[in-house]
Protein backbone atom coordinates (compact mmCIF):
# COMPACT_ATOMS: atom_id res chain seq x y z
CA SER A 1 0.00 0.00 0.00
CA PHE A 2 1.20 3.50 -0.89
CA TYR A 3 1.03 6.57 1.37
CA GLU A 4 2.58 9.98 0.71
CA ASN A 5 2.03 13.67 1.38
CA ILE A 6 2.93 16.07 -1.43
CA THR A 7 2.40 19.72 -2.32
CA VAL A 8 1.40 20.86 -5.82
CA ASN A 9 1.45 24.57 -6.62
CA ASN A 10 -1.35 25.65 -8.98
CA THR A 11 0.42 28.41 -10.89
CA SER A 12 -2.60 29.24 -13.07
CA ASP A 13 -3.62 32.88 -13.50
CA SER A 14 -7.22 31.82 -12.88
CA SER A 15 -8.84 32.17 -9.46
CA ASP A 16 -11.05 29.16 -10.28
CA TYR A 17 -10.48 25.43 -9.72
CA TYR A 18 -8.19 23.52 -12.10
CA TYR A 19 -9.03 19.91 -13.00
CA PRO A 20 -5.87 18.01 -14.09
CA LYS A 21 -5.45 14.83 -16.07
CA MET A 22 -3.97 11.85 -14.25
CA GLU A 23 -2.49 8.47 -15.06
CA VAL A 24 -2.73 5.67 -12.49
CA LYS A 25 -1.43 2.13 -12.38
CA ALA A 26 -2.69 -0.24 -9.67
CA ASN A 27 -0.27 -2.60 -7.95
CA ILE A 28 -0.45 -6.41 -8.15
CA PHE A 29 -3.22 -6.47 -5.52
CA GLY A 30 -5.55 -3.85 -7.01
CA GLY A 31 -8.00 -2.13 -4.70
CA PHE A 32 -8.30 1.62 -4.27
CA LEU A 33 -6.78 5.09 -4.65
CA GLU A 34 -7.60 8.12 -2.50
CA ILE A 35 -6.31 11.65 -2.94
CA ILE A 36 -7.26 14.06 -0.15
CA ASN A 37 -6.76 17.74 -0.94
CA GLU A 38 -6.31 19.31 2.49
CA SER A 39 -6.33 22.75 0.81
CA ASP A 40 -9.82 22.12 -0.63
CA LYS A 41 -11.65 21.51 2.67
CA SER A 42 -10.17 17.96 2.75
CA ARG A 43 -12.08 17.03 -0.41
CA VAL A 44 -11.60 13.34 -1.27
CA PHE A 45 -11.17 11.98 -4.79
CA GLY A 46 -11.36 8.21 -4.66
CA ILE A 47 -11.47 5.20 -6.96
CA SER A 48 -12.48 1.75 -5.79
CA ASN A 49 -12.44 -1.70 -7.37
CA LEU A 50 -9.12 -1.24 -9.17
CA GLN A 51 -8.12 -4.47 -10.88
CA PRO A 52 -4.58 -5.80 -10.29
CA MET A 53 -2.12 -3.90 -12.54
CA GLU A 54 -4.98 -1.89 -14.11
CA GLU A 55 -3.93 1.35 -15.80
CA LEU A 56 -6.33 4.30 -15.88
CA ILE A 57 -6.39 7.59 -17.73
CA ILE A 58 -8.43 10.15 -15.79
CA ASP A 59 -9.48 13.48 -17.29
CA ASN A 60 -11.03 15.39 -14.39
CA GLY A 61 -11.91 18.35 -16.62
CA LEU A 62 -13.84 16.23 -19.13
CA GLN A 63 -15.00 13.87 -16.34
CA THR A 64 -13.84 10.67 -18.03
CA ILE A 65 -12.04 7.60 -16.73
CA THR A 66 -10.90 4.90 -19.11
CA ASN A 67 -8.54 2.00 -18.72
CA THR A 68 -5.98 1.02 -21.32
CA THR A 69 -8.57 -1.12 -23.11
CA TYR A 70 -10.91 1.93 -23.30
CA VAL A 71 -13.49 0.56 -20.87
CA ASN A 72 -15.41 3.35 -19.10
CA ARG A 73 -14.59 3.19 -15.36
CA ILE A 74 -16.70 6.06 -13.98
CA SER A 75 -18.58 3.56 -11.77
CA ALA A 76 -15.32 3.23 -9.77
CA LEU A 77 -16.08 6.69 -8.27
CA GLU A 78 -19.45 5.60 -6.88
CA GLY A 79 -18.29 4.88 -3.34
CA TYR A 80 -16.70 8.34 -3.14
CA GLY A 81 -19.68 10.43 -4.30
CA TYR A 82 -18.43 11.00 -7.87
CA LYS A 83 -16.20 13.92 -6.83
CA TRP A 84 -13.60 14.75 -9.48
CA PHE A 85 -10.09 15.75 -8.44
CA ARG A 86 -9.29 19.45 -8.59
CA TYR A 87 -6.74 21.99 -7.43
CA VAL A 88 -7.54 25.22 -5.64
CA PRO A 89 -5.42 28.27 -6.60
CA ASN A 90 -1.88 28.34 -5.19
CA ALA A 91 -0.60 25.57 -2.85
CA ASN A 92 -2.47 22.24 -2.68
CA TYR A 93 -1.49 19.92 0.17
CA LEU A 94 -2.33 16.37 -0.90
CA THR A 95 -2.42 13.06 0.94
CA ILE A 96 -2.22 10.13 -1.48
CA ARG A 97 -2.88 6.55 -0.42
CA GLY A 98 -3.90 3.31 -2.02
CA ASN A 99 -2.84 0.18 -3.86
CA ILE A 100 -0.91 1.84 -6.66
CA ASP A 101 2.45 1.49 -8.37
CA TYR A 102 2.28 4.76 -10.28
CA LEU A 103 0.43 8.10 -10.24
CA ALA A 104 1.12 11.04 -12.54
CA PHE A 105 -0.56 14.43 -12.60
CA ILE A 106 -0.54 16.08 -16.03
CA ASN A 107 -0.71 19.79 -15.25
CA THR A 108 -1.08 22.46 -17.91
CA PHE A 109 -1.93 25.48 -15.80
CA PRO A 110 -3.58 28.22 -17.88
CA LYS A 111 -1.71 31.52 -18.16
CA LYS A 112 -2.77 34.80 -19.71
CA ILE A 113 -0.61 36.03 -22.54
CA SER A 114 -0.69 39.74 -23.25
């Protein structure tokens, strides 16, 4: 089981939430992933029923979850109230735990160009 605290700085010019893309790979046991954003009133993003070694592509902005065989996995959010992962502006203090081998956040924070 994996457990780690990290900080991600949302450097966007926007004062709104930012919904990143993520890539996840479950470990040999499968199970769950939880990401708690302490900076967002301890909001929990969670996925249950991960299959052993399952790889997911999560687009929080488009609200899609697919595995590498393009099976829709949105039902995996059911036990967590279907809350999509998001960043608040500035520092985001995250607690990550679960049965995972790999987690990547794909951040493309919007910036104004003038």
